Amino acid sequence: MVAKAVLVLTRSTAPVLQQRCLARVDVSRKKLQLLGMGCMLVAGKLLEPTWGTATDELVYLCDGCYTKRELLHMELMVLHLLDFKISLSGPTSAAFVVAYGHELGLREEAEPVQAALYVAAKMLEAFGMLSHLSSEIAAAALALALCITARDCTKAPQKRDQLAVLRRLSGCDALKMQW
């Protein structure tokens, strides 16, 4: 089922595709969710081999706001808007969060990684964050998540070590990043 186990890369690729579409065409508020679901369908088919039958589930997740035909039409529009160039120009902040977490010895399911994925997604909603590199956003999100999950990052030696590794990997001091 789509809602159960969507890969992190798919969840982070769909908004990138949506942003690229929105940069090329204006979309009414009524069709914005449909565009997002169309991008999710394209990202899923690109990145997850079992997504060939996900259309019905995505229509269900939209609570029937759109038909299967409308979703498939939007998928085609997304592909045309992007000139069928759906590969990403670089890794997303979510991919960096997972990679940084791996370097810190954290699995993708670990609380700090999941919190960082949420924070990174929220950070990308802020227009001012678009000037930062995906690696910087990921480092800042993971640094914040490490502090939150440690309850006090300045006193926990392991967290300080993890923050130092993040600083080395990303090339920025994530805790001093200006929002």
Foldseek 3Di string as FASTA:
>chain_A
DCVPDDDLQLVQLLVVLLVLLCVQDPDDPLCSVLLSLLSSLVSCVVPPVVSPPCLVVSCVVVVVSDDSVSSVVSVVVSCVSVVVPSDDPDGALLVLLQVLCVVLVHHCPDQLSVQLSVQLVVLVVDPVCVVDDSLLSNLLSSLVSLCVVVVHQVPDPSSVVSQVSSCVVSVHNSVPDDD
